[in-house]
N, C-alpha and C. Protein backbone atom coordinates (compact mmCIF):
# COMPACT_ATOMS: atom_id res chain seq x y z
N SER A 1 46.24 -13.55 2.50
CA SER A 1 45.51 -14.07 3.52
C SER A 1 43.96 -13.31 2.97
N THR A 2 42.98 -14.50 3.14
CA THR A 2 41.54 -13.15 3.11
C THR A 2 41.20 -13.11 4.63
N ILE A 3 41.88 -13.11 5.56
CA ILE A 3 41.53 -12.05 6.88
C ILE A 3 42.05 -10.98 6.62
N LEU A 4 43.20 -10.61 6.37
CA LEU A 4 44.02 -9.49 6.09
C LEU A 4 43.21 -8.74 5.21
N THR A 5 42.52 -8.50 4.22
CA THR A 5 41.86 -7.80 3.35
C THR A 5 40.92 -7.29 4.06
N SER A 6 40.40 -7.68 5.00
CA SER A 6 39.33 -6.51 5.76
C SER A 6 39.41 -5.48 6.43
N PHE A 7 41.05 -5.23 6.34
CA PHE A 7 41.70 -4.16 7.34
C PHE A 7 41.27 -2.64 6.54
N THR A 8 41.02 -1.53 7.05
CA THR A 8 40.95 -0.24 6.76
C THR A 8 42.11 0.70 7.16
N PRO A 9 42.74 1.35 5.79
CA PRO A 9 43.94 1.91 6.13
C PRO A 9 43.44 2.94 7.53
N LEU A 10 44.46 3.64 7.98
CA LEU A 10 44.50 4.43 8.43
C LEU A 10 44.00 5.97 7.53
N PRO A 11 42.68 6.94 7.60
CA PRO A 11 42.53 7.75 6.48
C PRO A 11 43.38 8.96 6.91
N PRO A 12 43.59 8.95 5.62
CA PRO A 12 44.79 10.00 5.00
C PRO A 12 43.81 11.51 5.63
N LEU A 13 44.81 12.30 5.30
CA LEU A 13 43.92 13.97 5.37
C LEU A 13 43.70 14.35 3.99
N LEU A 14 42.22 14.94 4.30
CA LEU A 14 41.28 15.39 2.97
C LEU A 14 41.88 16.48 2.56
N GLU A 15 42.40 17.66 3.54
CA GLU A 15 42.67 18.79 2.71
C GLU A 15 44.11 18.71 2.35
N LEU A 16 44.30 19.04 1.10
CA LEU A 16 45.41 18.71 0.24
C LEU A 16 46.72 19.69 0.68
N ASN A 17 46.39 21.21 1.04
CA ASN A 17 47.41 21.85 1.53
C ASN A 17 47.90 21.20 2.82
N LEU A 18 47.29 20.60 3.83
CA LEU A 18 47.78 19.75 4.83
C LEU A 18 48.66 18.88 4.55
N CYS A 19 48.79 18.10 3.71
CA CYS A 19 49.13 17.02 2.87
C CYS A 19 50.72 17.56 2.87
N LEU A 20 51.14 18.60 2.18
CA LEU A 20 52.20 18.74 1.96
C LEU A 20 53.31 19.72 2.61
N VAL A 21 52.89 19.70 3.83
CA VAL A 21 53.42 20.48 4.91
C VAL A 21 54.26 19.82 5.83
N ASP A 22 55.35 19.91 6.21
CA ASP A 22 56.19 18.93 7.10
C ASP A 22 55.51 19.64 8.30
N ARG A 23 55.12 18.47 9.50
CA ARG A 23 54.74 18.32 10.62
C ARG A 23 55.17 17.41 11.43
N LYS A 24 55.34 17.38 12.99
CA LYS A 24 56.21 16.63 13.71
C LYS A 24 55.44 15.54 14.47
N CYS A 25 55.99 14.43 13.81
CA CYS A 25 54.93 12.95 14.09
C CYS A 25 54.95 13.11 15.80
N ALA A 26 53.79 12.82 16.18
CA ALA A 26 53.51 12.65 17.23
C ALA A 26 53.99 11.50 18.02
N LEU A 27 54.55 10.34 17.30
CA LEU A 27 54.97 9.41 18.06
C LEU A 27 56.71 9.24 17.51
N SER A 28 57.31 9.53 16.78
CA SER A 28 59.05 9.69 16.40
C SER A 28 58.85 10.92 16.93
N GLY A 29 58.73 11.89 16.89
CA GLY A 29 59.32 13.33 17.06
C GLY A 29 59.99 14.10 16.15
N GLN A 30 59.97 13.35 14.98
CA GLN A 30 60.97 14.10 14.01
C GLN A 30 60.02 14.63 12.98
N THR A 31 60.37 15.78 12.39
CA THR A 31 59.70 16.84 11.45
C THR A 31 59.69 16.03 10.30
N LYS A 32 58.48 15.47 9.66
CA LYS A 32 58.36 14.78 8.46
C LYS A 32 57.04 15.12 7.92
N THR A 33 56.85 14.65 6.63
CA THR A 33 55.70 15.17 5.56
C THR A 33 54.54 13.63 6.46
N CYS A 34 53.55 14.71 7.12
CA CYS A 34 52.59 13.22 7.94
C CYS A 34 51.73 13.37 6.89
N LYS A 35 50.78 13.02 6.68
CA LYS A 35 49.65 12.66 5.99
C LYS A 35 48.50 11.78 6.24
N HIS A 36 49.12 11.11 7.34
CA HIS A 36 47.63 10.26 8.11
C HIS A 36 47.68 10.97 9.94
N ARG A 37 46.88 10.98 10.32
CA ARG A 37 46.29 11.27 11.83
C ARG A 37 45.77 10.21 12.62
N ILE A 38 46.12 10.14 13.30
CA ILE A 38 45.55 8.91 14.50
C ILE A 38 44.73 9.95 15.52
N LYS A 39 43.75 8.84 16.01
CA LYS A 39 43.27 9.33 17.47
C LYS A 39 43.43 8.57 18.65
N PHE A 40 43.93 8.87 19.61
CA PHE A 40 44.30 7.97 20.66
C PHE A 40 43.39 8.06 22.16
N GLY A 41 42.96 6.40 22.14
CA GLY A 41 41.55 6.29 22.95
C GLY A 41 40.23 7.03 22.70
N ASP A 42 39.90 7.83 23.70
CA ASP A 42 38.60 8.56 23.89
C ASP A 42 39.00 10.34 23.45
N SER A 43 40.33 10.52 23.42
CA SER A 43 40.85 12.26 23.13
C SER A 43 39.77 12.46 21.70
N SER A 44 39.85 13.85 21.89
CA SER A 44 39.19 14.39 20.80
C SER A 44 39.72 14.76 19.80
N SER A 45 41.27 14.69 19.76
CA SER A 45 42.01 15.70 19.56
C SER A 45 43.11 14.39 18.33
N TYR A 46 43.48 14.70 16.87
CA TYR A 46 44.03 13.68 16.26
C TYR A 46 45.60 14.41 16.13
N TYR A 47 46.57 13.28 16.35
CA TYR A 47 48.12 13.46 16.25
C TYR A 47 48.33 13.33 14.87
N TYR A 48 49.64 14.05 14.35
CA TYR A 48 50.01 13.32 13.21
C TYR A 48 50.77 12.21 13.31
N VAL A 49 51.02 11.54 12.48
CA VAL A 49 51.93 10.51 12.18
C VAL A 49 52.37 10.46 10.81
N SER A 50 53.94 9.92 11.15
CA SER A 50 54.66 9.85 9.42
C SER A 50 54.30 8.46 9.07
N PRO A 51 54.72 8.22 8.03
CA PRO A 51 54.76 6.91 7.00
C PRO A 51 55.22 5.95 7.64
N PHE A 52 56.43 6.08 8.49
CA PHE A 52 56.91 4.95 8.82
C PHE A 52 56.45 4.59 10.16
N CYS A 53 56.12 5.39 11.02
CA CYS A 53 55.27 5.33 12.25
C CYS A 53 53.82 4.65 11.91
N ARG A 54 53.08 4.93 10.87
CA ARG A 54 52.14 4.49 10.48
C ARG A 54 52.00 2.98 10.23
N TYR A 55 53.19 2.85 8.91
CA TYR A 55 53.31 1.23 8.26
C TYR A 55 53.82 0.23 9.93
N ARG A 56 54.28 0.73 10.62
CA ARG A 56 55.09 0.21 12.06
C ARG A 56 53.61 -0.24 12.80
N ILE A 57 52.59 0.47 12.81
CA ILE A 57 51.18 0.66 13.77
C ILE A 57 50.36 -0.58 12.94
N THR A 58 50.35 -0.45 11.78
CA THR A 58 49.76 -1.22 10.79
C THR A 58 50.21 -2.68 10.82
N ALA A 59 51.71 -2.92 10.72
CA ALA A 59 52.01 -4.09 11.00
C ALA A 59 52.10 -4.75 12.01
N VAL A 60 51.82 -4.37 12.98
CA VAL A 60 51.41 -4.76 14.63
C VAL A 60 50.13 -4.88 14.76
N CYS A 61 49.42 -4.18 14.27
CA CYS A 61 48.01 -4.21 14.22
C CYS A 61 47.43 -5.79 13.36
N ASN A 62 48.34 -5.69 12.40
CA ASN A 62 47.66 -6.96 11.23
C ASN A 62 48.41 -8.32 12.24
N PHE A 63 49.57 -8.36 12.88
CA PHE A 63 50.10 -9.52 13.60
C PHE A 63 48.80 -9.64 14.65
N PHE A 64 48.42 -9.08 15.62
CA PHE A 64 47.62 -9.09 16.85
C PHE A 64 46.66 -9.36 16.60
N THR A 65 45.79 -8.77 15.26
CA THR A 65 44.65 -9.05 14.96
C THR A 65 44.27 -10.49 14.04
N TYR A 66 45.52 -10.76 13.62
CA TYR A 66 45.56 -12.15 12.94
C TYR A 66 45.59 -13.23 14.20
N ILE A 67 46.45 -13.03 15.46
CA ILE A 67 46.35 -13.78 16.30
C ILE A 67 45.31 -14.22 17.05
N ARG A 68 44.62 -13.09 17.25
CA ARG A 68 43.17 -12.89 18.07
C ARG A 68 41.91 -13.71 17.22
N TYR A 69 42.18 -13.69 15.93
CA TYR A 69 41.34 -14.74 14.94
C TYR A 69 41.72 -16.02 15.29
N ILE A 70 42.79 -16.41 15.03
CA ILE A 70 43.31 -18.35 15.25
C ILE A 70 42.64 -18.03 16.46
N HIS A 71 43.04 -17.18 17.42
CA HIS A 71 42.15 -17.84 19.02
C HIS A 71 40.73 -17.51 19.24
N GLN A 72 40.05 -16.96 18.75
CA GLN A 72 38.92 -17.20 18.66
C GLN A 72 38.16 -18.20 17.31
N GLY A 73 38.94 -18.81 16.65
CA GLY A 73 38.61 -19.74 16.03
C GLY A 73 38.21 -19.53 14.61
N LEU A 74 38.14 -17.97 14.13
CA LEU A 74 37.57 -17.60 13.07
C LEU A 74 38.73 -18.06 11.41
N VAL A 75 40.01 -18.20 11.91
CA VAL A 75 40.87 -18.84 10.86
C VAL A 75 40.53 -20.18 10.91
N LYS A 76 39.71 -20.98 9.93
CA LYS A 76 38.97 -22.55 10.03
C LYS A 76 39.74 -22.99 8.64
N GLN A 77 39.71 -22.35 7.72
CA GLN A 77 40.26 -22.72 6.33
C GLN A 77 41.56 -23.08 6.00
N GLN A 78 42.41 -22.82 6.94
CA GLN A 78 43.67 -23.31 6.50
C GLN A 78 44.27 -24.21 7.84
N ASP A 79 45.02 -24.76 7.27
CA ASP A 79 45.85 -25.92 8.66
C ASP A 79 46.97 -25.35 9.42
N ALA A 80 47.32 -25.88 9.99
CA ALA A 80 48.35 -25.37 11.22
C ALA A 80 49.38 -24.87 10.34
N GLU A 81 49.81 -25.46 9.27
CA GLU A 81 51.16 -25.17 8.67
C GLU A 81 50.97 -23.73 8.07
N GLN A 82 49.43 -23.71 7.27
CA GLN A 82 49.51 -22.20 6.41
C GLN A 82 49.23 -21.26 7.47
N MET A 83 48.96 -21.17 8.83
CA MET A 83 48.60 -20.39 10.10
C MET A 83 50.02 -20.11 10.16
N PHE A 84 51.04 -20.74 10.39
CA PHE A 84 52.09 -20.73 10.54
C PHE A 84 53.20 -19.96 9.62
N TRP A 85 52.78 -20.14 8.41
CA TRP A 85 53.53 -19.38 7.67
C TRP A 85 53.03 -17.87 7.54
N GLU A 86 51.82 -17.75 7.95
CA GLU A 86 50.72 -16.72 7.65
C GLU A 86 51.71 -15.48 9.02
N VAL A 87 51.83 -16.22 10.00
CA VAL A 87 52.82 -15.96 11.10
C VAL A 87 53.76 -15.30 11.08
N THR A 88 54.69 -16.13 10.61
CA THR A 88 55.59 -15.67 9.96
C THR A 88 55.70 -14.71 8.80
N GLN A 89 55.04 -14.83 8.05
CA GLN A 89 55.07 -13.45 7.24
C GLN A 89 54.62 -12.25 8.02
N LEU A 90 53.56 -12.29 8.81
CA LEU A 90 53.23 -11.03 9.33
C LEU A 90 54.44 -10.48 10.67
N ARG A 91 55.48 -11.40 11.41
CA ARG A 91 56.55 -11.40 12.21
C ARG A 91 57.38 -10.45 11.30
N ARG A 92 57.68 -11.24 9.95
CA ARG A 92 58.47 -10.52 9.05
C ARG A 92 58.32 -9.24 8.88
N GLU A 93 57.00 -8.58 8.52
CA GLU A 93 56.26 -7.60 8.08
C GLU A 93 56.77 -6.54 8.94
N MET A 94 56.51 -7.24 10.56
CA MET A 94 56.86 -6.00 11.34
C MET A 94 58.60 -5.82 11.83
N SER A 95 59.31 -6.89 11.20
CA SER A 95 60.75 -6.61 11.89
C SER A 95 61.08 -5.55 10.41
N ILE A 96 60.34 -5.65 8.93
CA ILE A 96 60.89 -4.88 7.97
C ILE A 96 60.33 -3.31 8.50
N ALA A 97 59.23 -3.24 9.32
CA ALA A 97 58.70 -1.77 9.47
C ALA A 97 59.68 -1.34 10.58
N LYS A 98 60.14 -2.19 11.71
CA LYS A 98 61.11 -2.05 12.54
C LYS A 98 62.51 -1.22 12.03
N LEU A 99 62.82 -1.57 11.20
CA LEU A 99 63.87 -1.19 10.14
C LEU A 99 64.02 0.07 9.43
N GLY A 100 62.51 0.23 9.14
CA GLY A 100 62.40 1.25 8.40
C GLY A 100 61.85 1.22 7.08
N TYR A 101 61.81 0.29 6.62
CA TYR A 101 61.28 -0.04 4.95
C TYR A 101 60.00 -0.40 5.19
N PHE A 102 59.24 -0.41 4.05
CA PHE A 102 57.97 -0.37 3.80
C PHE A 102 58.30 -1.83 2.73
N LYS A 103 56.89 -2.72 2.86
CA LYS A 103 57.01 -3.85 2.31
C LYS A 103 56.93 -3.74 1.37
N ASP A 104 56.48 -2.85 0.11
CA ASP A 104 56.46 -2.54 -1.46
C ASP A 104 57.90 -1.89 -1.83
N GLN A 105 58.95 -1.92 -0.77
CA GLN A 105 60.24 -1.25 -1.23
C GLN A 105 61.07 -2.56 -1.32
N LEU A 106 61.08 -3.97 -0.73
CA LEU A 106 61.49 -4.68 -0.90
C LEU A 106 61.57 -5.96 -2.15
């Protein structure tokens, strides 16, 4: 899909020594190797997120962004059937992420 290629992933930590340390994920509460950080709202602090939580966040964001693009009329090169299958694929990715799998693991 041409719409989804414009997404930028959550930035990884630049300090290599921080990537190798197990930290408590701010969303799941589990101690995991957290390579990514997220900033909530106007907060000035970053929170560590595990790969599992990061993939869940990106799957949901991809879905709602595509729905918003359809609503705004930005997806014009596709007919209704193509949009349906794209929405179905994005819903599948959310379900896979919720089960704890990554898209490339299947």
